[in-house]
PDB file of N, CA and C in Angstrom:
ATOM      1  N   UNK A   1       0.837  -1.170   0.000  1.00  0.00           N
ATOM      2  CA  UNK A   1       0.000   0.000   0.000  1.00  0.00           C
ATOM      3  C   UNK A   1       0.888   1.242   0.000  1.00  0.00           C
ATOM      4  N   UNK A   2       0.581   2.188  -0.837  1.00  0.00           N
ATOM      5  CA  UNK A   2       1.335   3.426  -0.939  1.00  0.00           C
ATOM      6  C   UNK A   2       0.783   4.451   0.040  1.00  0.00           C
ATOM      7  N   UNK A   3       1.676   5.027   0.815  1.00  0.00           N
ATOM      8  CA  UNK A   3       1.268   6.054   1.765  1.00  0.00           C
ATOM      9  C   UNK A   3       1.398   7.411   1.092  1.00  0.00           C
ATOM     10  N   UNK A   4       0.329   8.188   1.123  1.00  0.00           N
ATOM     11  CA  UNK A   4       0.337   9.523   0.552  1.00  0.00           C
ATOM     12  C   UNK A   4       0.513  10.526   1.682  1.00  0.00           C
ATOM     13  N   UNK A   5       1.588  11.281   1.606  1.00  0.00           N
ATOM     14  CA  UNK A   5       1.847  12.300   2.622  1.00  0.00           C
ATOM     15  C   UNK A   5       1.327  13.645   2.137  1.00  0.00           C
ATOM     16  N   UNK A   6       0.757  14.380   3.048  1.00  0.00           N
ATOM     17  CA  UNK A   6       0.329  15.722   2.706  1.00  0.00           C
ATOM     18  C   UNK A   6       1.558  16.623   2.644  1.00  0.00           C
ATOM     19  N   UNK A   7       1.464  17.713   1.903  1.00  0.00           N
ATOM     20  CA  UNK A   7       2.630  18.588   1.759  1.00  0.00           C
ATOM     21  C   UNK A   7       3.041  19.243   3.080  1.00  0.00           C
ATOM     22  N   UNK A   8       4.301  19.580   3.139  1.00  0.00           N
ATOM     23  CA  UNK A   8       4.834  20.347   4.255  1.00  0.00           C
ATOM     24  C   UNK A   8       4.808  21.810   3.842  1.00  0.00           C
ATOM     25  N   UNK A   9       4.311  22.656   4.722  1.00  0.00           N
ATOM     26  CA  UNK A   9       4.317  24.095   4.482  1.00  0.00           C
ATOM     27  C   UNK A   9       5.242  24.754   5.493  1.00  0.00           C
ATOM     28  N   UNK A  10       5.756  25.910   5.142  1.00  0.00           N
ATOM     29  CA  UNK A  10       6.622  26.647   6.056  1.00  0.00           C
ATOM     30  C   UNK A  10       6.080  28.051   6.246  1.00  0.00           C
ATOM     31  N   UNK A  11       6.419  28.610   7.376  1.00  0.00           N
ATOM     32  CA  UNK A  11       6.080  30.008   7.642  1.00  0.00           C
ATOM     33  C   UNK A  11       7.105  30.573   8.603  1.00  0.00           C
ATOM     34  N   UNK A  12       7.291  31.864   8.542  1.00  0.00           N
ATOM     35  CA  UNK A  12       8.231  32.564   9.413  1.00  0.00           C
ATOM     36  C   UNK A  12       7.443  33.169  10.567  1.00  0.00           C
ATOM     37  N   UNK A  13       7.869  32.854  11.770  1.00  0.00           N
ATOM     38  CA  UNK A  13       7.226  33.400  12.964  1.00  0.00           C
ATOM     39  C   UNK A  13       7.602  34.867  13.129  1.00  0.00           C
ATOM     40  N   UNK A  14       6.785  35.619  13.830  1.00  0.00           N
ATOM     41  CA  UNK A  14       7.039  37.051  14.004  1.00  0.00           C
ATOM     42  C   UNK A  14       8.146  37.327  15.011  1.00  0.00           C
ATOM     43  N   UNK A  15       8.323  36.424  15.991  1.00  0.00           N
ATOM     44  CA  UNK A  15       9.341  36.592  17.033  1.00  0.00           C
ATOM     45  C   UNK A  15       9.304  35.351  17.932  1.00  0.00           C
ATOM     46  N   UNK A  16      10.120  35.358  18.966  1.00  0.00           N
ATOM     47  CA  UNK A  16      10.055  34.281  19.947  1.00  0.00           C
ATOM     48  C   UNK A  16       8.740  34.333  20.724  1.00  0.00           C
ATOM     49  N   UNK A  17       8.091  35.475  20.718  1.00  0.00           N
ATOM     50  CA  UNK A  17       6.811  35.641  21.413  1.00  0.00           C
ATOM     51  C   UNK A  17       5.626  35.480  20.469  1.00  0.00           C
ATOM     52  N   UNK A  18       5.818  34.914  19.293  1.00  0.00           N
ATOM     53  CA  UNK A  18       4.727  34.713  18.329  1.00  0.00           C
ATOM     54  C   UNK A  18       3.602  33.926  19.004  1.00  0.00           C
ATOM     55  N   UNK A  19       2.371  34.461  18.990  1.00  0.00           N
ATOM     56  CA  UNK A  19       1.274  33.778  19.683  1.00  0.00           C
ATOM     57  C   UNK A  19       0.861  32.452  19.040  1.00  0.00           C
ATOM     58  N   UNK A  20       1.285  32.200  17.812  1.00  0.00           N
ATOM     59  CA  UNK A  20       0.893  30.962  17.137  1.00  0.00           C
ATOM     60  C   UNK A  20       1.863  29.813  17.379  1.00  0.00           C
ATOM     61  N   UNK A  21       3.030  30.117  17.958  1.00  0.00           N
ATOM     62  CA  UNK A  21       4.027  29.074  18.215  1.00  0.00           C
ATOM     63  C   UNK A  21       4.942  29.538  19.336  1.00  0.00           C
ATOM     64  N   UNK A  22       4.535  29.254  20.548  1.00  0.00           N
ATOM     65  CA  UNK A  22       5.283  29.716  21.708  1.00  0.00           C
ATOM     66  C   UNK A  22       6.150  28.640  22.337  1.00  0.00           C
ATOM     67  N   UNK A  23       6.610  28.896  23.548  1.00  0.00           N
ATOM     68  CA  UNK A  23       7.499  27.966  24.232  1.00  0.00           C
ATOM     69  C   UNK A  23       6.922  26.556  24.381  1.00  0.00           C
ATOM     70  N   UNK A  24       5.636  26.441  24.651  1.00  0.00           N
ATOM     71  CA  UNK A  24       5.039  25.111  24.840  1.00  0.00           C
ATOM     72  C   UNK A  24       5.102  24.290  23.551  1.00  0.00           C
ATOM     73  N   UNK A  25       4.783  24.908  22.420  1.00  0.00           N
ATOM     74  CA  UNK A  25       4.835  24.202  21.141  1.00  0.00           C
ATOM     75  C   UNK A  25       6.278  23.853  20.782  1.00  0.00           C
ATOM     76  N   UNK A  26       7.189  24.768  21.058  1.00  0.00           N
ATOM     77  CA  UNK A  26       8.614  24.545  20.790  1.00  0.00           C
ATOM     78  C   UNK A  26       9.107  23.325  21.569  1.00  0.00           C
ATOM     79  N   UNK A  27       8.805  23.282  22.861  1.00  0.00           N
ATOM     80  CA  UNK A  27       9.264  22.185  23.709  1.00  0.00           C
ATOM     81  C   UNK A  27       8.598  20.865  23.326  1.00  0.00           C
ATOM     82  N   UNK A  28       7.333  20.907  22.904  1.00  0.00           N
ATOM     83  CA  UNK A  28       6.644  19.686  22.474  1.00  0.00           C
ATOM     84  C   UNK A  28       7.308  19.133  21.216  1.00  0.00           C
ATOM     85  N   UNK A  29       7.658  20.007  20.289  1.00  0.00           N
ATOM     86  CA  UNK A  29       8.350  19.580  19.076  1.00  0.00           C
ATOM     87  C   UNK A  29       9.718  18.996  19.429  1.00  0.00           C
ATOM     88  N   UNK A  30      10.446  19.647  20.294  1.00  0.00           N
ATOM     89  CA  UNK A  30      11.760  19.165  20.716  1.00  0.00           C
ATOM     90  C   UNK A  30      11.656  17.797  21.400  1.00  0.00           C
ATOM     91  N   UNK A  31      10.637  17.592  22.191  1.00  0.00           N
ATOM     92  CA  UNK A  31      10.459  16.325  22.896  1.00  0.00           C
ATOM     93  C   UNK A  31      10.214  15.161  21.939  1.00  0.00           C
ATOM     94  N   UNK A  32       9.660  15.437  20.767  1.00  0.00           N
ATOM     95  CA  UNK A  32       9.411  14.374  19.785  1.00  0.00           C
ATOM     96  C   UNK A  32      10.663  13.987  19.017  1.00  0.00           C
ATOM     97  N   UNK A  33      11.725  14.766  19.128  1.00  0.00           N
ATOM     98  CA  UNK A  33      12.956  14.493  18.394  1.00  0.00           C
ATOM     99  C   UNK A  33      13.885  13.560  19.143  1.00  0.00           C
ATOM    100  N   UNK A  34      14.987  13.230  18.502  1.00  0.00           N
ATOM    101  CA  UNK A  34      15.972  12.330  19.087  1.00  0.00           C
ATOM    102  C   UNK A  34      17.066  13.047  19.868  1.00  0.00           C
ATOM    103  N   UNK A  35      17.150  14.362  19.726  1.00  0.00           N
ATOM    104  CA  UNK A  35      18.227  15.122  20.350  1.00  0.00           C
ATOM    105  C   UNK A  35      17.730  15.807  21.613  1.00  0.00           C
ATOM    106  N   UNK A  36      18.474  15.649  22.686  1.00  0.00           N
ATOM    107  CA  UNK A  36      18.123  16.265  23.953  1.00  0.00           C
ATOM    108  C   UNK A  36      19.277  17.173  24.361  1.00  0.00           C
ATOM    109  N   UNK A  37      19.298  18.376  23.804  1.00  0.00           N
ATOM    110  CA  UNK A  37      20.387  19.308  24.091  1.00  0.00           C
ATOM    111  C   UNK A  37      19.805  20.646  24.537  1.00  0.00           C
ATOM    112  N   UNK A  38      20.382  21.202  25.571  1.00  0.00           N
ATOM    113  CA  UNK A  38      19.858  22.445  26.141  1.00  0.00           C
ATOM    114  C   UNK A  38      19.884  23.595  25.127  1.00  0.00           C
ATOM    115  N   UNK A  39      20.848  23.580  24.217  1.00  0.00           N
ATOM    116  CA  UNK A  39      20.936  24.696  23.266  1.00  0.00           C
ATOM    117  C   UNK A  39      19.815  24.688  22.223  1.00  0.00           C
ATOM    118  N   UNK A  40      18.984  23.667  22.217  1.00  0.00           N
ATOM    119  CA  UNK A  40      17.846  23.625  21.291  1.00  0.00           C
ATOM    120  C   UNK A  40      16.552  24.106  21.931  1.00  0.00           C
ATOM    121  N   UNK A  41      16.569  24.398  23.218  1.00  0.00           N
ATOM    122  CA  UNK A  41      15.346  24.801  23.908  1.00  0.00           C
ATOM    123  C   UNK A  41      14.976  26.241  23.596  1.00  0.00           C
ATOM    124  N   UNK A  42      13.694  26.552  23.794  1.00  0.00           N
ATOM    125  CA  UNK A  42      13.197  27.905  23.562  1.00  0.00           C
ATOM    126  C   UNK A  42      13.929  28.921  24.440  1.00  0.00           C
ATOM    127  N   UNK A  43      14.092  28.689  25.762  1.00  0.00           N
ATOM    128  CA  UNK A  43      14.782  29.690  26.584  1.00  0.00           C
ATOM    129  C   UNK A  43      16.219  29.947  26.120  1.00  0.00           C
ATOM    130  N   UNK A  44      16.941  28.903  25.753  1.00  0.00           N
ATOM    131  CA  UNK A  44      18.318  29.083  25.310  1.00  0.00           C
ATOM    132  C   UNK A  44      18.353  29.866  24.004  1.00  0.00           C
ATOM    133  N   UNK A  45      17.547  29.472  23.036  1.00  0.00           N
ATOM    134  CA  UNK A  45      17.542  30.151  21.742  1.00  0.00           C
ATOM    135  C   UNK A  45      17.147  31.622  21.884  1.00  0.00           C
ATOM    136  N   UNK A  46      16.154  31.893  22.709  1.00  0.00           N
ATOM    137  CA  UNK A  46      15.720  33.280  22.928  1.00  0.00           C
ATOM    138  C   UNK A  46      16.834  34.090  23.593  1.00  0.00           C
ATOM    139  N   UNK A  47      17.477  33.508  24.612  1.00  0.00           N
ATOM    140  CA  UNK A  47      18.576  34.200  25.289  1.00  0.00           C
ATOM    141  C   UNK A  47      19.739  34.437  24.333  1.00  0.00           C
ATOM    142  N   UNK A  48      20.042  33.453  23.488  1.00  0.00           N
ATOM    143  CA  UNK A  48      21.125  33.616  22.519  1.00  0.00           C
ATOM    144  C   UNK A  48      20.800  34.764  21.579  1.00  0.00           C
ATOM    145  N   UNK A  49      19.575  34.797  21.057  1.00  0.00           N
ATOM    146  CA  UNK A  49      19.194  35.850  20.127  1.00  0.00           C
ATOM    147  C   UNK A  49      19.247  37.214  20.806  1.00  0.00           C
ATOM    148  N   UNK A  50      18.769  37.291  22.042  1.00  0.00           N
ATOM    149  CA  UNK A  50      18.789  38.556  22.779  1.00  0.00           C
ATOM    150  C   UNK A  50      20.220  39.044  22.980  1.00  0.00           C
ATOM    151  N   UNK A  51      21.148  38.132  23.228  1.00  0.00           N
ATOM    152  CA  UNK A  51      22.539  38.490  23.503  1.00  0.00           C
ATOM    153  C   UNK A  51      23.388  38.687  22.259  1.00  0.00           C
ATOM    154  N   UNK A  52      23.203  37.840  21.258  1.00  0.00           N
ATOM    155  CA  UNK A  52      24.115  37.839  20.113  1.00  0.00           C
ATOM    156  C   UNK A  52      23.445  38.086  18.765  1.00  0.00           C
ATOM    157  N   UNK A  53      22.120  38.076  18.736  1.00  0.00           N
ATOM    158  CA  UNK A  53      21.407  38.191  17.463  1.00  0.00           C
ATOM    159  C   UNK A  53      21.661  39.508  16.755  1.00  0.00           C
ATOM    160  N   UNK A  54      21.662  39.427  15.434  1.00  0.00           N
ATOM    161  CA  UNK A  54      21.803  40.629  14.611  1.00  0.00           C
ATOM    162  C   UNK A  54      21.039  40.394  13.320  1.00  0.00           C
ATOM    163  N   UNK A  55      20.737  41.441  12.631  1.00  0.00           N
ATOM    164  CA  UNK A  55      19.998  41.281  11.392  1.00  0.00           C
ATOM    165  C   UNK A  55      18.524  41.015  11.665  1.00  0.00           C
ATOM    166  N   UNK A  56      17.933  40.220  10.800  1.00  0.00           N
ATOM    167  CA  UNK A  56      16.510  39.920  10.878  1.00  0.00           C
ATOM    168  C   UNK A  56      16.308  38.474  11.314  1.00  0.00           C
ATOM    169  N   UNK A  57      15.570  38.294  12.386  1.00  0.00           N
ATOM    170  CA  UNK A  57      15.256  36.961  12.873  1.00  0.00           C
ATOM    171  C   UNK A  57      14.283  36.276  11.921  1.00  0.00           C
ATOM    172  N   UNK A  58      14.566  35.032  11.578  1.00  0.00           N
ATOM    173  CA  UNK A  58      13.712  34.247  10.677  1.00  0.00           C
ATOM    174  C   UNK A  58      13.430  32.878  11.311  1.00  0.00           C
ATOM    175  N   UNK A  59      12.641  32.876  12.365  1.00  0.00           N
ATOM    176  CA  UNK A  59      12.246  31.612  12.987  1.00  0.00           C
ATOM    177  C   UNK A  59      11.269  30.928  12.037  1.00  0.00           C
ATOM    178  N   UNK A  60      11.712  29.862  11.416  1.00  0.00           N
ATOM    179  CA  UNK A  60      10.916  29.209  10.381  1.00  0.00           C
ATOM    180  C   UNK A  60      10.412  27.865  10.883  1.00  0.00           C
ATOM    181  N   UNK A  61       9.096  27.698  10.848  1.00  0.00           N
ATOM    182  CA  UNK A  61       8.486  26.442  11.288  1.00  0.00           C
ATOM    183  C   UNK A  61       7.911  25.726  10.066  1.00  0.00           C
ATOM    184  N   UNK A  62       8.147  24.428  10.012  1.00  0.00           N
ATOM    185  CA  UNK A  62       7.584  23.584   8.954  1.00  0.00           C
ATOM    186  C   UNK A  62       6.446  22.777   9.570  1.00  0.00           C
ATOM    187  N   UNK A  63       5.314  22.717   8.860  1.00  0.00           N
ATOM    188  CA  UNK A  63       4.136  22.045   9.391  1.00  0.00           C
ATOM    189  C   UNK A  63       3.534  21.097   8.357  1.00  0.00           C
ATOM    190  N   UNK A  64       2.978  20.032   8.866  1.00  0.00           N
ATOM    191  CA  UNK A  64       2.223  19.082   8.041  1.00  0.00           C
ATOM    192  C   UNK A  64       0.891  18.861   8.753  1.00  0.00           C
ATOM    193  N   UNK A  65      -0.178  19.064   8.031  1.00  0.00           N
ATOM    194  CA  UNK A  65      -1.527  18.912   8.600  1.00  0.00           C
ATOM    195  C   UNK A  65      -1.718  19.766   9.849  1.00  0.00           C
ATOM    196  N   UNK A  66      -1.139  20.963   9.850  1.00  0.00           N
ATOM    197  CA  UNK A  66      -1.291  21.877  10.976  1.00  0.00           C
ATOM    198  C   UNK A  66      -0.446  21.553  12.186  1.00  0.00           C
ATOM    199  N   UNK A  67       0.420  20.561  12.077  1.00  0.00           N
ATOM    200  CA  UNK A  67       1.276  20.161  13.202  1.00  0.00           C
ATOM    201  C   UNK A  67       2.731  20.435  12.846  1.00  0.00           C
ATOM    202  N   UNK A  68       3.457  21.073  13.758  1.00  0.00           N
ATOM    203  CA  UNK A  68       4.871  21.376  13.523  1.00  0.00           C
ATOM    204  C   UNK A  68       5.669  20.091  13.401  1.00  0.00           C
ATOM    205  N   UNK A  69       6.524  20.033  12.379  1.00  0.00           N
ATOM    206  CA  UNK A  69       7.388  18.873  12.192  1.00  0.00           C
ATOM    207  C   UNK A  69       8.868  19.261  12.228  1.00  0.00           C
ATOM    208  N   UNK A  70       9.157  20.555  12.116  1.00  0.00           N
ATOM    209  CA  UNK A  70      10.543  21.028  12.182  1.00  0.00           C
ATOM    210  C   UNK A  70      10.534  22.525  12.466  1.00  0.00           C
ATOM    211  N   UNK A  71      11.651  22.989  13.019  1.00  0.00           N
ATOM    212  CA  UNK A  71      11.822  24.408  13.318  1.00  0.00           C
ATOM    213  C   UNK A  71      13.263  24.781  13.036  1.00  0.00           C
ATOM    214  N   UNK A  72      13.458  25.888  12.353  1.00  0.00           N
ATOM    215  CA  UNK A  72      14.812  26.352  12.036  1.00  0.00           C
ATOM    216  C   UNK A  72      14.958  27.787  12.538  1.00  0.00           C
ATOM    217  N   UNK A  73      15.805  28.012  13.562  1.00  0.00           N
ATOM    218  CA  UNK A  73      16.043  29.372  14.041  1.00  0.00           C
ATOM    219  C   UNK A  73      17.121  30.031  13.174  1.00  0.00           C
ATOM    220  N   UNK A  74      16.683  30.718  12.151  1.00  0.00           N
ATOM    221  CA  UNK A  74      17.587  31.341  11.179  1.00  0.00           C
ATOM    222  C   UNK A  74      17.565  32.855  11.331  1.00  0.00           C
ATOM    223  N   UNK A  75      18.520  33.512  10.667  1.00  0.00           N
ATOM    224  CA  UNK A  75      18.491  34.966  10.596  1.00  0.00           C
ATOM    225  C   UNK A  75      19.181  35.404   9.317  1.00  0.00           C
ATOM    226  N   UNK A  76      18.864  36.608   8.875  1.00  0.00           N
ATOM    227  CA  UNK A  76      19.496  37.193   7.696  1.00  0.00           C
ATOM    228  C   UNK A  76      20.223  38.464   8.147  1.00  0.00           C
ATOM    229  N   UNK A  77      21.463  38.598   7.707  1.00  0.00           N
ATOM    230  CA  UNK A  77      22.262  39.760   8.087  1.00  0.00           C
ATOM    231  C   UNK A  77      22.890  40.322   6.811  1.00  0.00           C
ATOM    232  N   UNK A  78      22.303  41.346   6.284  1.00  0.00           N
ATOM    233  CA  UNK A  78      22.792  41.925   5.042  1.00  0.00           C
ATOM    234  C   UNK A  78      22.257  41.163   3.841  1.00  0.00           C
ATOM    235  N   UNK A  79      22.473  41.703   2.644  1.00  0.00           N
ATOM    236  CA  UNK A  79      22.043  41.145   1.373  1.00  0.00           C
ATOM    237  C   UNK A  79      21.436  39.848   1.470  1.00  0.00           C
TER     238      UNK A  79
END
């Protein structure tokens, strides 16, 4: 039997305080993964951005069927 997967969509969050994807959703996504590292948590990432961030924050979440499947804390600095 062939499994049909629905497409993955992406969107950029407005900030670490985005009301559509906050700390609880971030931690739930992290808990489903295989990596358990403090530097992947919402508090660490937010603190890092507050201390060292520059340019434009591009917190990008990938979703399938309305459920987060990946998150990439990216930023753009210049061109």
